[in-house]
């Protein structure tokens, strides 16, 4: 953990006085600094309360899926790896790309928040990032890890 994240976490603990919690992970949305900044801002504003990942990414990285926890909290980073908010994952489920719901798309908070725009944005994102990694994956047939979260704290 870098010093900036460590100081942010300590400030969070001091201000909230929460006990029996730990930092599970610190991460940024997306694959560019601009996208990370945009999505972090939507998160802090309370517009973005969900995210989606390709299930295959967890398999390839040999990582467990996220899971809801009141004790394991996460820090959202901006595009320059600065911490902006502490979140708590509240719900995780896996569905085929075609079965992601309009409700989930709305909670992701991007574009016009419609399912149509969610599918377009995410299809383009995964096609680009998979291509960059040399992967050929049929987006419309892949499984998606849908996460919902709450912002627990951010400095004002």
Protein backbone atom coordinates (compact mmCIF):
# COMPACT_ATOMS: atom_id res chain seq x y z
CA UNK A 1 0.00 0.00 0.00
CA UNK A 2 1.45 3.37 -0.95
CA UNK A 3 1.72 6.16 1.60
CA UNK A 4 -1.16 8.22 0.12
CA UNK A 5 -3.54 5.29 0.40
CA UNK A 6 -2.30 4.52 3.90
CA UNK A 7 -2.90 8.11 5.08
CA UNK A 8 -6.35 8.14 3.44
CA UNK A 9 -7.29 4.87 5.18
CA UNK A 10 -6.05 6.15 8.55
CA UNK A 11 -8.09 9.36 8.08
CA UNK A 12 -11.16 7.27 7.29
CA UNK A 13 -10.69 5.15 10.43
CA UNK A 14 -10.08 8.19 12.62
CA UNK A 15 -13.11 10.10 11.33
CA UNK A 16 -15.59 7.23 11.25
CA UNK A 17 -14.30 5.45 14.36
CA UNK A 18 -15.21 2.15 12.72
CA UNK A 19 -13.67 -0.94 14.25
CA UNK A 20 -13.24 -4.47 12.97
CA UNK A 21 -12.83 -3.33 9.36
CA UNK A 22 -9.89 -3.79 7.06
CA UNK A 23 -8.84 -2.56 3.66
CA UNK A 24 -9.46 -5.35 1.18
CA UNK A 25 -8.30 -3.54 -1.96
CA UNK A 26 -7.62 -0.16 -3.58
CA UNK A 27 -8.42 0.11 -7.27
CA UNK A 28 -9.56 2.37 -10.10
CA UNK A 29 -12.37 1.90 -12.59
CA UNK A 30 -11.60 1.45 -16.28
CA UNK A 31 -8.38 1.28 -18.24
CA UNK A 32 -7.43 4.94 -18.64
CA UNK A 33 -6.79 7.81 -16.25
CA UNK A 34 -9.62 9.81 -17.82
CA UNK A 35 -12.14 6.98 -17.40
CA UNK A 36 -10.99 6.35 -13.82
CA UNK A 37 -11.46 10.05 -13.01
CA UNK A 38 -14.92 10.18 -14.59
CA UNK A 39 -16.17 7.06 -12.83
CA UNK A 40 -14.64 8.00 -9.48
CA UNK A 41 -16.47 11.34 -9.67
CA UNK A 42 -19.77 9.59 -10.43
CA UNK A 43 -19.12 7.36 -7.41
CA UNK A 44 -18.47 10.26 -5.03
CA UNK A 45 -21.61 12.02 -6.32
CA UNK A 46 -23.66 8.91 -5.50
CA UNK A 47 -24.61 8.35 -9.13
CA UNK A 48 -22.45 5.26 -9.67
CA UNK A 49 -23.39 2.52 -7.19
CA UNK A 50 -22.50 -0.51 -9.29
CA UNK A 51 -19.84 -1.83 -11.63
CA UNK A 52 -19.28 -4.80 -13.90
CA UNK A 53 -16.28 -6.96 -14.72
CA UNK A 54 -15.70 -9.79 -17.14
CA UNK A 55 -15.75 -13.09 -15.25
CA UNK A 56 -12.93 -14.37 -17.46
CA UNK A 57 -10.62 -11.73 -15.99
CA UNK A 58 -10.94 -13.30 -12.54
CA UNK A 59 -10.28 -16.74 -14.02
CA UNK A 60 -7.19 -15.60 -15.92
CA UNK A 61 -5.80 -13.77 -12.88
CA UNK A 62 -6.66 -16.70 -10.60
CA UNK A 63 -8.46 -14.28 -8.27
CA UNK A 64 -11.58 -14.96 -6.23
CA UNK A 65 -14.73 -13.07 -7.07
CA UNK A 66 -15.55 -10.09 -4.87
CA UNK A 67 -18.11 -10.68 -2.16
CA UNK A 68 -20.22 -8.51 0.11
CA UNK A 69 -18.63 -7.79 3.46
CA UNK A 70 -19.15 -5.32 6.26
CA UNK A 71 -15.54 -5.78 7.36
CA UNK A 72 -13.64 -5.83 4.04
CA UNK A 73 -13.81 -2.34 2.56
CA UNK A 74 -12.29 -1.00 -0.65
CA UNK A 75 -10.82 2.32 -1.73
CA UNK A 76 -11.68 3.80 -5.11
CA UNK A 77 -8.77 5.56 -6.80
CA UNK A 78 -8.82 8.29 -9.42
CA UNK A 79 -6.82 8.20 -12.64
CA UNK A 80 -3.62 9.22 -10.85
CA UNK A 81 -4.00 6.54 -8.18
CA UNK A 82 -5.16 9.02 -5.56
CA UNK A 83 -7.79 7.68 -3.16
CA UNK A 84 -11.20 9.34 -3.41
CA UNK A 85 -13.70 7.17 -1.53
CA UNK A 86 -14.15 4.13 0.68
CA UNK A 87 -16.82 1.71 -0.50
CA UNK A 88 -18.50 -1.40 0.81
CA UNK A 89 -19.57 -4.09 -1.64
CA UNK A 90 -23.20 -4.97 -0.92
CA UNK A 91 -24.13 -7.42 -3.68
CA UNK A 92 -22.30 -9.58 -6.22
CA UNK A 93 -23.81 -11.84 -8.87
CA UNK A 94 -22.74 -13.36 -12.19
CA UNK A 95 -24.94 -13.28 -15.29
CA UNK A 96 -24.42 -13.63 -19.03
CA UNK A 97 -23.77 -10.31 -20.79
CA UNK A 98 -27.20 -10.53 -22.45
CA UNK A 99 -28.90 -10.87 -19.03
CA UNK A 100 -27.49 -7.74 -17.40
CA UNK A 101 -30.57 -5.78 -16.37
CA UNK A 102 -31.67 -2.22 -17.02
CA UNK A 103 -31.62 -1.74 -13.23
CA UNK A 104 -27.94 -2.67 -13.07
CA UNK A 105 -27.13 -0.43 -16.05
CA UNK A 106 -28.86 2.46 -14.31
CA UNK A 107 -26.90 1.88 -11.10
CA UNK A 108 -23.62 2.00 -13.04
CA UNK A 109 -24.47 5.65 -13.73
CA UNK A 110 -22.76 6.03 -17.11
CA UNK A 111 -23.97 7.91 -20.21
CA UNK A 112 -27.79 8.11 -20.19
CA UNK A 113 -27.94 5.18 -17.71
CA UNK A 114 -29.92 3.02 -20.15
CA UNK A 115 -29.32 -0.66 -20.81
CA UNK A 116 -28.74 0.14 -24.48
CA UNK A 117 -25.90 2.56 -23.70
CA UNK A 118 -24.52 0.22 -21.03
CA UNK A 119 -24.26 -2.60 -23.57
CA UNK A 120 -22.64 -0.36 -26.17
CA UNK A 121 -20.10 1.14 -23.75
CA UNK A 122 -19.19 -2.17 -22.14
CA UNK A 123 -19.01 -4.09 -25.41
CA UNK A 124 -16.58 -1.46 -26.76
CA UNK A 125 -14.58 -1.43 -23.53
CA UNK A 126 -14.17 -5.20 -23.37
CA UNK A 127 -13.43 -5.54 -27.07
CA UNK A 128 -10.66 -2.94 -26.70
CA UNK A 129 -9.16 -4.32 -23.51
CA UNK A 130 -9.33 -7.95 -24.65
CA UNK A 131 -7.73 -7.03 -27.99
CA UNK A 132 -4.94 -5.19 -26.14
CA UNK A 133 -4.28 -8.40 -24.19
CA UNK A 134 -4.46 -10.63 -27.28
CA UNK A 135 -7.69 -12.30 -26.17
CA UNK A 136 -10.53 -13.26 -28.46
CA UNK A 137 -13.73 -13.48 -26.44
CA UNK A 138 -17.33 -13.35 -27.63
CA UNK A 139 -18.67 -10.48 -25.52
CA UNK A 140 -22.35 -11.32 -26.04
CA UNK A 141 -21.81 -14.83 -24.66
CA UNK A 142 -19.46 -14.12 -21.75
CA UNK A 143 -20.34 -13.99 -18.06
CA UNK A 144 -20.31 -10.64 -16.28
CA UNK A 145 -19.62 -10.10 -12.59
CA UNK A 146 -22.07 -7.43 -11.40
CA UNK A 147 -21.22 -5.63 -8.17
CA UNK A 148 -23.24 -3.15 -6.19
CA UNK A 149 -21.67 -0.96 -3.53
CA UNK A 150 -22.23 1.91 -1.14
CA UNK A 151 -19.92 4.83 -0.56
CA UNK A 152 -19.05 4.65 3.14
CA UNK A 153 -16.81 7.72 3.27
CA UNK A 154 -15.06 10.35 1.24
CA UNK A 155 -13.34 13.52 2.40
CA UNK A 156 -15.34 16.66 1.69
